[in-house]
């Protein structure tokens, strides 16, 4: 019983740890611009900022690598409405999560 409580406590603490998002790099922007022509590092960073500011208000946000492009394409439009994002913000967030979903974690 004691071991179970200790394991549960560690799991709870780990679940409460803040999610650390990768800092976008020029390599990420280059990869993103293959899918979204003209997509820049500044737009990628802007998408990250919007994601951090709006997607953590109602629930813990997910790291972009947790979903693939198809899932993000379904999730972001619904969540953008709830977060009251305009179409430009929605597009930047979608491009950010899709691009970073294929980022190499270190």
PDB file of N, CA and C in Angstrom:
ATOM      1  N   UNK A   1       0.829  -1.195   0.000  1.00  0.00           N
ATOM      2  CA  UNK A   1       0.000   0.000   0.000  1.00  0.00           C
ATOM      3  C   UNK A   1       0.870   1.254   0.000  1.00  0.00           C
ATOM      4  N   UNK A   2       1.929   1.229   0.812  1.00  0.00           N
ATOM      5  CA  UNK A   2       2.820   2.373   0.909  1.00  0.00           C
ATOM      6  C   UNK A   2       3.487   2.652  -0.444  1.00  0.00           C
ATOM      7  N   UNK A   3       3.917   1.573  -1.125  1.00  0.00           N
ATOM      8  CA  UNK A   3       4.559   1.719  -2.435  1.00  0.00           C
ATOM      9  C   UNK A   3       3.580   2.313  -3.443  1.00  0.00           C
ATOM     10  N   UNK A   4       2.346   1.875  -3.395  1.00  0.00           N
ATOM     11  CA  UNK A   4       1.323   2.379  -4.312  1.00  0.00           C
ATOM     12  C   UNK A   4       1.116   3.874  -4.115  1.00  0.00           C
ATOM     13  N   UNK A   5       1.065   4.309  -2.881  1.00  0.00           N
ATOM     14  CA  UNK A   5       0.878   5.734  -2.593  1.00  0.00           C
ATOM     15  C   UNK A   5       2.072   6.535  -3.089  1.00  0.00           C
ATOM     16  N   UNK A   6       3.273   6.022  -2.887  1.00  0.00           N
ATOM     17  CA  UNK A   6       4.479   6.720  -3.338  1.00  0.00           C
ATOM     18  C   UNK A   6       4.504   6.810  -4.860  1.00  0.00           C
ATOM     19  N   UNK A   7       4.214   5.711  -5.538  1.00  0.00           N
ATOM     20  CA  UNK A   7       4.179   5.710  -7.005  1.00  0.00           C
ATOM     21  C   UNK A   7       3.119   6.684  -7.506  1.00  0.00           C
ATOM     22  N   UNK A   8       1.948   6.655  -6.894  1.00  0.00           N
ATOM     23  CA  UNK A   8       0.874   7.572  -7.286  1.00  0.00           C
ATOM     24  C   UNK A   8       1.293   9.024  -7.071  1.00  0.00           C
ATOM     25  N   UNK A   9       1.956   9.315  -5.966  1.00  0.00           N
ATOM     26  CA  UNK A   9       2.403  10.680  -5.672  1.00  0.00           C
ATOM     27  C   UNK A   9       3.397  11.159  -6.726  1.00  0.00           C
ATOM     28  N   UNK A  10       4.350  10.309  -7.100  1.00  0.00           N
ATOM     29  CA  UNK A  10       5.312  10.684  -8.134  1.00  0.00           C
ATOM     30  C   UNK A  10       4.626  10.897  -9.482  1.00  0.00           C
ATOM     31  N   UNK A  11       3.680  10.050  -9.812  1.00  0.00           N
ATOM     32  CA  UNK A  11       2.939  10.196 -11.069  1.00  0.00           C
ATOM     33  C   UNK A  11       2.154  11.498 -11.080  1.00  0.00           C
ATOM     34  N   UNK A  12       1.558  11.839  -9.964  1.00  0.00           N
ATOM     35  CA  UNK A  12       0.793  13.080  -9.864  1.00  0.00           C
ATOM     36  C   UNK A  12       1.702  14.291 -10.015  1.00  0.00           C
ATOM     37  N   UNK A  13       2.851  14.258  -9.373  1.00  0.00           N
ATOM     38  CA  UNK A  13       3.810  15.360  -9.485  1.00  0.00           C
ATOM     39  C   UNK A  13       4.294  15.492 -10.922  1.00  0.00           C
ATOM     40  N   UNK A  14       4.606  14.381 -11.561  1.00  0.00           N
ATOM     41  CA  UNK A  14       5.064  14.413 -12.951  1.00  0.00           C
ATOM     42  C   UNK A  14       3.987  14.962 -13.872  1.00  0.00           C
ATOM     43  N   UNK A  15       2.746  14.628 -13.617  1.00  0.00           N
ATOM     44  CA  UNK A  15       1.639  15.107 -14.452  1.00  0.00           C
ATOM     45  C   UNK A  15       1.427  16.600 -14.303  1.00  0.00           C
ATOM     46  N   UNK A  16       1.806  17.148 -13.170  1.00  0.00           N
ATOM     47  CA  UNK A  16       1.617  18.577 -12.918  1.00  0.00           C
ATOM     48  C   UNK A  16       2.779  19.422 -13.423  1.00  0.00           C
ATOM     49  N   UNK A  17       3.844  18.785 -13.849  1.00  0.00           N
ATOM     50  CA  UNK A  17       5.005  19.524 -14.338  1.00  0.00           C
ATOM     51  C   UNK A  17       4.617  20.308 -15.587  1.00  0.00           C
ATOM     52  N   UNK A  18       5.137  21.520 -15.724  1.00  0.00           N
ATOM     53  CA  UNK A  18       4.793  22.312 -16.900  1.00  0.00           C
ATOM     54  C   UNK A  18       5.326  21.672 -18.178  1.00  0.00           C
ATOM     55  N   UNK A  19       4.584  21.847 -19.257  1.00  0.00           N
ATOM     56  CA  UNK A  19       4.990  21.328 -20.555  1.00  0.00           C
ATOM     57  C   UNK A  19       6.031  22.278 -21.130  1.00  0.00           C
ATOM     58  N   UNK A  20       7.141  21.741 -21.580  1.00  0.00           N
ATOM     59  CA  UNK A  20       8.218  22.541 -22.151  1.00  0.00           C
ATOM     60  C   UNK A  20       8.144  22.430 -23.664  1.00  0.00           C
ATOM     61  N   UNK A  21       7.887  23.559 -24.312  1.00  0.00           N
ATOM     62  CA  UNK A  21       7.835  23.583 -25.767  1.00  0.00           C
ATOM     63  C   UNK A  21       9.218  23.870 -26.326  1.00  0.00           C
ATOM     64  N   UNK A  22       9.536  23.216 -27.435  1.00  0.00           N
ATOM     65  CA  UNK A  22      10.807  23.472 -28.100  1.00  0.00           C
ATOM     66  C   UNK A  22      10.818  24.881 -28.672  1.00  0.00           C
ATOM     67  N   UNK A  23      11.966  25.533 -28.625  1.00  0.00           N
ATOM     68  CA  UNK A  23      12.123  26.845 -29.247  1.00  0.00           C
ATOM     69  C   UNK A  23      12.311  26.625 -30.746  1.00  0.00           C
ATOM     70  N   UNK A  24      11.453  27.207 -31.584  1.00  0.00           N
ATOM     71  CA  UNK A  24      11.604  27.030 -33.029  1.00  0.00           C
ATOM     72  C   UNK A  24      12.945  27.562 -33.531  1.00  0.00           C
ATOM     73  N   UNK A  25      13.489  26.872 -34.498  1.00  0.00           N
ATOM     74  CA  UNK A  25      14.761  27.264 -35.107  1.00  0.00           C
ATOM     75  C   UNK A  25      14.539  27.553 -36.590  1.00  0.00           C
ATOM     76  N   UNK A  26      15.581  28.051 -37.226  1.00  0.00           N
ATOM     77  CA  UNK A  26      15.490  28.300 -38.665  1.00  0.00           C
ATOM     78  C   UNK A  26      15.263  26.988 -39.416  1.00  0.00           C
ATOM     79  N   UNK A  27      15.851  25.910 -38.931  1.00  0.00           N
ATOM     80  CA  UNK A  27      15.637  24.596 -39.567  1.00  0.00           C
ATOM     81  C   UNK A  27      14.159  24.205 -39.509  1.00  0.00           C
ATOM     82  N   UNK A  28      13.493  24.515 -38.388  1.00  0.00           N
ATOM     83  CA  UNK A  28      12.056  24.245 -38.274  1.00  0.00           C
ATOM     84  C   UNK A  28      11.283  25.089 -39.284  1.00  0.00           C
ATOM     85  N   UNK A  29      11.647  26.369 -39.382  1.00  0.00           N
ATOM     86  CA  UNK A  29      10.968  27.262 -40.327  1.00  0.00           C
ATOM     87  C   UNK A  29      11.172  26.783 -41.764  1.00  0.00           C
ATOM     88  N   UNK A  30      12.384  26.330 -42.070  1.00  0.00           N
ATOM     89  CA  UNK A  30      12.659  25.806 -43.416  1.00  0.00           C
ATOM     90  C   UNK A  30      11.805  24.574 -43.697  1.00  0.00           C
ATOM     91  N   UNK A  31      11.686  23.696 -42.710  1.00  0.00           N
ATOM     92  CA  UNK A  31      10.845  22.501 -42.854  1.00  0.00           C
ATOM     93  C   UNK A  31       9.380  22.909 -43.026  1.00  0.00           C
ATOM     94  N   UNK A  32       8.940  23.894 -42.251  1.00  0.00           N
ATOM     95  CA  UNK A  32       7.562  24.377 -42.352  1.00  0.00           C
ATOM     96  C   UNK A  32       7.268  25.033 -43.687  1.00  0.00           C
ATOM     97  N   UNK A  33       8.269  25.733 -44.233  1.00  0.00           N
ATOM     98  CA  UNK A  33       8.033  26.428 -45.505  1.00  0.00           C
ATOM     99  C   UNK A  33       7.910  25.458 -46.677  1.00  0.00           C
ATOM    100  N   UNK A  34       8.330  24.212 -46.485  1.00  0.00           N
ATOM    101  CA  UNK A  34       8.099  23.204 -47.525  1.00  0.00           C
ATOM    102  C   UNK A  34       6.612  22.886 -47.620  1.00  0.00           C
ATOM    103  N   UNK A  35       5.938  22.906 -46.490  1.00  0.00           N
ATOM    104  CA  UNK A  35       4.494  22.643 -46.446  1.00  0.00           C
ATOM    105  C   UNK A  35       3.701  23.929 -46.661  1.00  0.00           C
ATOM    106  N   UNK A  36       4.209  25.020 -46.082  1.00  0.00           N
ATOM    107  CA  UNK A  36       3.539  26.324 -46.148  1.00  0.00           C
ATOM    108  C   UNK A  36       4.507  27.321 -46.787  1.00  0.00           C
ATOM    109  N   UNK A  37       4.518  27.417 -48.119  1.00  0.00           N
ATOM    110  CA  UNK A  37       5.488  28.281 -48.801  1.00  0.00           C
ATOM    111  C   UNK A  37       5.507  29.706 -48.233  1.00  0.00           C
ATOM    112  N   UNK A  38       6.727  30.195 -48.000  1.00  0.00           N
ATOM    113  CA  UNK A  38       6.906  31.550 -47.484  1.00  0.00           C
ATOM    114  C   UNK A  38       6.817  31.654 -45.969  1.00  0.00           C
ATOM    115  N   UNK A  39       6.551  30.557 -45.299  1.00  0.00           N
ATOM    116  CA  UNK A  39       6.431  30.552 -43.835  1.00  0.00           C
ATOM    117  C   UNK A  39       7.794  30.862 -43.226  1.00  0.00           C
ATOM    118  N   UNK A  40       7.829  31.849 -42.333  1.00  0.00           N
ATOM    119  CA  UNK A  40       9.101  32.325 -41.783  1.00  0.00           C
ATOM    120  C   UNK A  40       9.271  31.951 -40.312  1.00  0.00           C
ATOM    121  N   UNK A  41      10.489  32.123 -39.835  1.00  0.00           N
ATOM    122  CA  UNK A  41      10.783  31.863 -38.427  1.00  0.00           C
ATOM    123  C   UNK A  41      10.001  32.818 -37.530  1.00  0.00           C
ATOM    124  N   UNK A  42       9.851  34.068 -37.949  1.00  0.00           N
ATOM    125  CA  UNK A  42       9.089  35.014 -37.114  1.00  0.00           C
ATOM    126  C   UNK A  42       7.621  34.601 -37.021  1.00  0.00           C
ATOM    127  N   UNK A  43       7.053  34.087 -38.105  1.00  0.00           N
ATOM    128  CA  UNK A  43       5.667  33.599 -38.062  1.00  0.00           C
ATOM    129  C   UNK A  43       5.558  32.347 -37.186  1.00  0.00           C
ATOM    130  N   UNK A  44       6.576  31.500 -37.257  1.00  0.00           N
ATOM    131  CA  UNK A  44       6.599  30.294 -36.430  1.00  0.00           C
ATOM    132  C   UNK A  44       6.627  30.675 -34.946  1.00  0.00           C
ATOM    133  N   UNK A  45       7.460  31.661 -34.609  1.00  0.00           N
ATOM    134  CA  UNK A  45       7.529  32.134 -33.223  1.00  0.00           C
ATOM    135  C   UNK A  45       6.237  32.817 -32.796  1.00  0.00           C
ATOM    136  N   UNK A  46       5.608  33.537 -33.716  1.00  0.00           N
ATOM    137  CA  UNK A  46       4.329  34.179 -33.403  1.00  0.00           C
ATOM    138  C   UNK A  46       3.252  33.119 -33.138  1.00  0.00           C
ATOM    139  N   UNK A  47       3.241  32.070 -33.944  1.00  0.00           N
ATOM    140  CA  UNK A  47       2.305  30.969 -33.722  1.00  0.00           C
ATOM    141  C   UNK A  47       2.526  30.315 -32.370  1.00  0.00           C
ATOM    142  N   UNK A  48       3.787  30.152 -31.993  1.00  0.00           N
ATOM    143  CA  UNK A  48       4.120  29.577 -30.680  1.00  0.00           C
ATOM    144  C   UNK A  48       3.613  30.483 -29.565  1.00  0.00           C
ATOM    145  N   UNK A  49       3.818  31.781 -29.701  1.00  0.00           N
ATOM    146  CA  UNK A  49       3.367  32.736 -28.673  1.00  0.00           C
ATOM    147  C   UNK A  49       1.854  32.700 -28.497  1.00  0.00           C
ATOM    148  N   UNK A  50       1.136  32.657 -29.602  1.00  0.00           N
ATOM    149  CA  UNK A  50      -0.335  32.591 -29.541  1.00  0.00           C
ATOM    150  C   UNK A  50      -0.752  31.277 -28.883  1.00  0.00           C
ATOM    151  N   UNK A  51      -0.106  30.195 -29.280  1.00  0.00           N
ATOM    152  CA  UNK A  51      -0.400  28.871 -28.712  1.00  0.00           C
ATOM    153  C   UNK A  51      -0.188  28.879 -27.200  1.00  0.00           C
ATOM    154  N   UNK A  52       0.934  29.434 -26.769  1.00  0.00           N
ATOM    155  CA  UNK A  52       1.231  29.490 -25.333  1.00  0.00           C
ATOM    156  C   UNK A  52       0.238  30.373 -24.582  1.00  0.00           C
ATOM    157  N   UNK A  53      -0.149  31.484 -25.188  1.00  0.00           N
ATOM    158  CA  UNK A  53      -1.026  32.443 -24.512  1.00  0.00           C
ATOM    159  C   UNK A  53      -2.476  31.978 -24.430  1.00  0.00           C
ATOM    160  N   UNK A  54      -2.947  31.263 -25.446  1.00  0.00           N
ATOM    161  CA  UNK A  54      -4.371  30.928 -25.516  1.00  0.00           C
ATOM    162  C   UNK A  54      -4.709  29.470 -25.221  1.00  0.00           C
ATOM    163  N   UNK A  55      -3.799  28.571 -25.502  1.00  0.00           N
ATOM    164  CA  UNK A  55      -4.139  27.146 -25.412  1.00  0.00           C
ATOM    165  C   UNK A  55      -3.886  26.556 -24.033  1.00  0.00           C
ATOM    166  N   UNK A  56      -3.462  27.375 -23.116  1.00  0.00           N
ATOM    167  CA  UNK A  56      -3.205  26.893 -21.762  1.00  0.00           C
ATOM    168  C   UNK A  56      -4.186  27.513 -20.769  1.00  0.00           C
ATOM    169  N   UNK A  57      -5.124  28.298 -21.256  1.00  0.00           N
ATOM    170  CA  UNK A  57      -6.086  28.962 -20.373  1.00  0.00           C
ATOM    171  C   UNK A  57      -7.128  27.992 -19.840  1.00  0.00           C
ATOM    172  N   UNK A  58      -7.662  27.147 -20.696  1.00  0.00           N
ATOM    173  CA  UNK A  58      -8.753  26.243 -20.304  1.00  0.00           C
ATOM    174  C   UNK A  58      -8.267  24.841 -19.962  1.00  0.00           C
ATOM    175  N   UNK A  59      -7.123  24.461 -20.472  1.00  0.00           N
ATOM    176  CA  UNK A  59      -6.585  23.116 -20.241  1.00  0.00           C
ATOM    177  C   UNK A  59      -5.089  23.155 -20.463  1.00  0.00           C
ATOM    178  N   UNK A  60      -4.410  22.113 -20.029  1.00  0.00           N
ATOM    179  CA  UNK A  60      -2.968  22.033 -20.298  1.00  0.00           C
ATOM    180  C   UNK A  60      -2.778  21.808 -21.787  1.00  0.00           C
ATOM    181  N   UNK A  61      -1.878  22.587 -22.377  1.00  0.00           N
ATOM    182  CA  UNK A  61      -1.669  22.359 -23.796  1.00  0.00           C
ATOM    183  C   UNK A  61      -0.799  21.142 -24.026  1.00  0.00           C
ATOM    184  N   UNK A  62      -0.894  20.639 -25.222  1.00  0.00           N
ATOM    185  CA  UNK A  62      -0.137  19.459 -25.627  1.00  0.00           C
ATOM    186  C   UNK A  62       1.100  19.915 -26.388  1.00  0.00           C
ATOM    187  N   UNK A  63       2.173  19.169 -26.247  1.00  0.00           N
ATOM    188  CA  UNK A  63       3.334  19.461 -27.076  1.00  0.00           C
ATOM    189  C   UNK A  63       2.945  19.121 -28.513  1.00  0.00           C
ATOM    190  N   UNK A  64       3.389  19.908 -29.474  1.00  0.00           N
ATOM    191  CA  UNK A  64       2.986  19.651 -30.863  1.00  0.00           C
ATOM    192  C   UNK A  64       3.280  18.235 -31.344  1.00  0.00           C
ATOM    193  N   UNK A  65       4.344  17.630 -30.823  1.00  0.00           N
ATOM    194  CA  UNK A  65       4.707  16.277 -31.258  1.00  0.00           C
ATOM    195  C   UNK A  65       3.700  15.223 -30.806  1.00  0.00           C
ATOM    196  N   UNK A  66       2.770  15.603 -29.937  1.00  0.00           N
ATOM    197  CA  UNK A  66       1.808  14.622 -29.417  1.00  0.00           C
ATOM    198  C   UNK A  66       0.711  14.263 -30.415  1.00  0.00           C
ATOM    199  N   UNK A  67       0.610  15.032 -31.482  1.00  0.00           N
ATOM    200  CA  UNK A  67      -0.412  14.761 -32.500  1.00  0.00           C
ATOM    201  C   UNK A  67       0.216  14.898 -33.885  1.00  0.00           C
ATOM    202  N   UNK A  68      -0.388  14.235 -34.852  1.00  0.00           N
ATOM    203  CA  UNK A  68       0.092  14.383 -36.221  1.00  0.00           C
ATOM    204  C   UNK A  68      -0.713  15.483 -36.921  1.00  0.00           C
ATOM    205  N   UNK A  69      -0.321  15.777 -38.145  1.00  0.00           N
ATOM    206  CA  UNK A  69      -0.955  16.871 -38.892  1.00  0.00           C
ATOM    207  C   UNK A  69      -2.465  16.688 -39.019  1.00  0.00           C
ATOM    208  N   UNK A  70      -2.897  15.477 -39.305  1.00  0.00           N
ATOM    209  CA  UNK A  70      -4.325  15.230 -39.495  1.00  0.00           C
ATOM    210  C   UNK A  70      -5.115  15.553 -38.214  1.00  0.00           C
ATOM    211  N   UNK A  71      -4.588  15.154 -37.074  1.00  0.00           N
ATOM    212  CA  UNK A  71      -5.272  15.446 -35.802  1.00  0.00           C
ATOM    213  C   UNK A  71      -5.287  16.944 -35.529  1.00  0.00           C
ATOM    214  N   UNK A  72      -4.152  17.613 -35.765  1.00  0.00           N
ATOM    215  CA  UNK A  72      -4.110  19.066 -35.535  1.00  0.00           C
ATOM    216  C   UNK A  72      -5.093  19.784 -36.458  1.00  0.00           C
ATOM    217  N   UNK A  73      -5.218  19.309 -37.698  1.00  0.00           N
ATOM    218  CA  UNK A  73      -6.170  19.918 -38.641  1.00  0.00           C
ATOM    219  C   UNK A  73      -7.607  19.821 -38.133  1.00  0.00           C
ATOM    220  N   UNK A  74      -7.897  18.812 -37.336  1.00  0.00           N
ATOM    221  CA  UNK A  74      -9.247  18.668 -36.769  1.00  0.00           C
ATOM    222  C   UNK A  74      -9.400  19.471 -35.474  1.00  0.00           C
ATOM    223  N   UNK A  75      -8.351  19.508 -34.662  1.00  0.00           N
ATOM    224  CA  UNK A  75      -8.431  20.128 -33.336  1.00  0.00           C
ATOM    225  C   UNK A  75      -8.376  21.656 -33.383  1.00  0.00           C
ATOM    226  N   UNK A  76      -7.435  22.198 -34.129  1.00  0.00           N
ATOM    227  CA  UNK A  76      -7.187  23.649 -34.079  1.00  0.00           C
ATOM    228  C   UNK A  76      -8.405  24.483 -34.476  1.00  0.00           C
ATOM    229  N   UNK A  77      -9.118  24.184 -35.563  1.00  0.00           N
ATOM    230  CA  UNK A  77     -10.288  25.017 -35.889  1.00  0.00           C
ATOM    231  C   UNK A  77     -11.335  25.062 -34.770  1.00  0.00           C
ATOM    232  N   UNK A  78     -11.564  23.931 -34.123  1.00  0.00           N
ATOM    233  CA  UNK A  78     -12.538  23.900 -33.019  1.00  0.00           C
ATOM    234  C   UNK A  78     -12.046  24.720 -31.834  1.00  0.00           C
ATOM    235  N   UNK A  79     -10.792  24.525 -31.476  1.00  0.00           N
ATOM    236  CA  UNK A  79     -10.239  25.228 -30.319  1.00  0.00           C
ATOM    237  C   UNK A  79     -10.059  26.722 -30.606  1.00  0.00           C
ATOM    238  N   UNK A  80      -9.761  27.066 -31.848  1.00  0.00           N
ATOM    239  CA  UNK A  80      -9.583  28.478 -32.204  1.00  0.00           C
ATOM    240  C   UNK A  80     -10.879  29.250 -31.987  1.00  0.00           C
ATOM    241  N   UNK A  81     -11.995  28.620 -32.322  1.00  0.00           N
ATOM    242  CA  UNK A  81     -13.303  29.251 -32.080  1.00  0.00           C
ATOM    243  C   UNK A  81     -13.516  29.498 -30.597  1.00  0.00           C
ATOM    244  N   UNK A  82     -13.244  28.474 -29.793  1.00  0.00           N
ATOM    245  CA  UNK A  82     -13.437  28.593 -28.344  1.00  0.00           C
ATOM    246  C   UNK A  82     -12.508  29.642 -27.742  1.00  0.00           C
ATOM    247  N   UNK A  83     -11.298  29.757 -28.289  1.00  0.00           N
ATOM    248  CA  UNK A  83     -10.316  30.718 -27.779  1.00  0.00           C
ATOM    249  C   UNK A  83     -10.505  32.108 -28.386  1.00  0.00           C
ATOM    250  N   UNK A  84     -11.480  32.223 -29.295  1.00  0.00           N
ATOM    251  CA  UNK A  84     -11.780  33.491 -29.968  1.00  0.00           C
ATOM    252  C   UNK A  84     -10.569  34.042 -30.741  1.00  0.00           C
ATOM    253  N   UNK A  85      -9.898  33.136 -31.443  1.00  0.00           N
ATOM    254  CA  UNK A  85      -8.792  33.546 -32.300  1.00  0.00           C
ATOM    255  C   UNK A  85      -9.345  33.989 -33.640  1.00  0.00           C
ATOM    256  N   UNK A  86      -8.726  35.002 -34.232  1.00  0.00           N
ATOM    257  CA  UNK A  86      -9.141  35.388 -35.578  1.00  0.00           C
ATOM    258  C   UNK A  86      -8.492  34.421 -36.573  1.00  0.00           C
ATOM    259  N   UNK A  87      -8.826  34.567 -37.847  1.00  0.00           N
ATOM    260  CA  UNK A  87      -8.354  33.601 -38.849  1.00  0.00           C
ATOM    261  C   UNK A  87      -6.833  33.628 -39.014  1.00  0.00           C
ATOM    262  N   UNK A  88      -6.221  34.793 -38.856  1.00  0.00           N
ATOM    263  CA  UNK A  88      -4.761  34.893 -38.970  1.00  0.00           C
ATOM    264  C   UNK A  88      -4.101  34.163 -37.804  1.00  0.00           C
ATOM    265  N   UNK A  89      -4.599  34.389 -36.598  1.00  0.00           N
ATOM    266  CA  UNK A  89      -4.056  33.708 -35.423  1.00  0.00           C
ATOM    267  C   UNK A  89      -4.244  32.196 -35.534  1.00  0.00           C
ATOM    268  N   UNK A  90      -5.419  31.784 -35.966  1.00  0.00           N
ATOM    269  CA  UNK A  90      -5.689  30.353 -36.139  1.00  0.00           C
ATOM    270  C   UNK A  90      -4.701  29.734 -37.118  1.00  0.00           C
ATOM    271  N   UNK A  91      -4.466  30.418 -38.228  1.00  0.00           N
ATOM    272  CA  UNK A  91      -3.544  29.921 -39.241  1.00  0.00           C
ATOM    273  C   UNK A  91      -2.120  29.811 -38.688  1.00  0.00           C
ATOM    274  N   UNK A  92      -1.687  30.821 -37.934  1.00  0.00           N
ATOM    275  CA  UNK A  92      -0.340  30.793 -37.362  1.00  0.00           C
ATOM    276  C   UNK A  92      -0.183  29.652 -36.358  1.00  0.00           C
ATOM    277  N   UNK A  93      -1.195  29.444 -35.533  1.00  0.00           N
ATOM    278  CA  UNK A  93      -1.139  28.348 -34.558  1.00  0.00           C
ATOM    279  C   UNK A  93      -1.115  27.003 -35.281  1.00  0.00           C
ATOM    280  N   UNK A  94      -1.970  26.841 -36.272  1.00  0.00           N
ATOM    281  CA  UNK A  94      -2.003  25.580 -37.014  1.00  0.00           C
ATOM    282  C   UNK A  94      -0.656  25.314 -37.686  1.00  0.00           C
ATOM    283  N   UNK A  95      -0.100  26.323 -38.330  1.00  0.00           N
ATOM    284  CA  UNK A  95       1.202  26.152 -38.987  1.00  0.00           C
ATOM    285  C   UNK A  95       2.291  25.837 -37.964  1.00  0.00           C
ATOM    286  N   UNK A  96       2.209  26.478 -36.807  1.00  0.00           N
ATOM    287  CA  UNK A  96       3.188  26.210 -35.742  1.00  0.00           C
ATOM    288  C   UNK A  96       3.108  24.752 -35.281  1.00  0.00           C
ATOM    289  N   UNK A  97       1.921  24.292 -34.910  1.00  0.00           N
ATOM    290  CA  UNK A  97       1.820  22.926 -34.365  1.00  0.00           C
ATOM    291  C   UNK A  97       2.115  21.864 -35.420  1.00  0.00           C
ATOM    292  N   UNK A  98       1.688  22.100 -36.651  1.00  0.00           N
ATOM    293  CA  UNK A  98       1.970  21.130 -37.718  1.00  0.00           C
ATOM    294  C   UNK A  98       3.475  21.068 -37.974  1.00  0.00           C
ATOM    295  N   UNK A  99       4.113  22.224 -38.062  1.00  0.00           N
ATOM    296  CA  UNK A  99       5.557  22.258 -38.295  1.00  0.00           C
ATOM    297  C   UNK A  99       6.311  21.606 -37.145  1.00  0.00           C
ATOM    298  N   UNK A 100       5.959  21.975 -35.929  1.00  0.00           N
ATOM    299  CA  UNK A 100       6.690  21.467 -34.766  1.00  0.00           C
ATOM    300  C   UNK A 100       6.316  20.030 -34.412  1.00  0.00           C
ATOM    301  N   UNK A 101       5.236  19.518 -34.992  1.00  0.00           N
ATOM    302  CA  UNK A 101       4.868  18.120 -34.719  1.00  0.00           C
ATOM    303  C   UNK A 101       5.892  17.154 -35.303  1.00  0.00           C
ATOM    304  N   UNK A 102       6.691  17.639 -36.231  1.00  0.00           N
ATOM    305  CA  UNK A 102       7.728  16.798 -36.833  1.00  0.00           C
ATOM    306  C   UNK A 102       9.124  17.197 -36.363  1.00  0.00           C
ATOM    307  N   UNK A 103       9.202  18.057 -35.341  1.00  0.00           N
ATOM    308  CA  UNK A 103      10.504  18.494 -34.820  1.00  0.00           C
ATOM    309  C   UNK A 103      11.209  17.328 -34.144  1.00  0.00           C
ATOM    310  N   UNK A 104      12.497  17.343 -34.231  1.00  0.00           N
ATOM    311  CA  UNK A 104      13.305  16.313 -33.566  1.00  0.00           C
ATOM    312  C   UNK A 104      13.536  16.757 -32.129  1.00  0.00           C
ATOM    313  N   UNK A 105      13.053  15.978 -31.179  1.00  0.00           N
ATOM    314  CA  UNK A 105      13.270  16.302 -29.769  1.00  0.00           C
ATOM    315  C   UNK A 105      14.660  15.848 -29.359  1.00  0.00           C
ATOM    316  N   UNK A 106      15.235  16.599 -28.440  1.00  0.00           N
ATOM    317  CA  UNK A 106      16.604  16.283 -28.000  1.00  0.00           C
ATOM    318  C   UNK A 106      16.581  15.527 -26.714  1.00  0.00           C
TER     319      UNK A 106
END
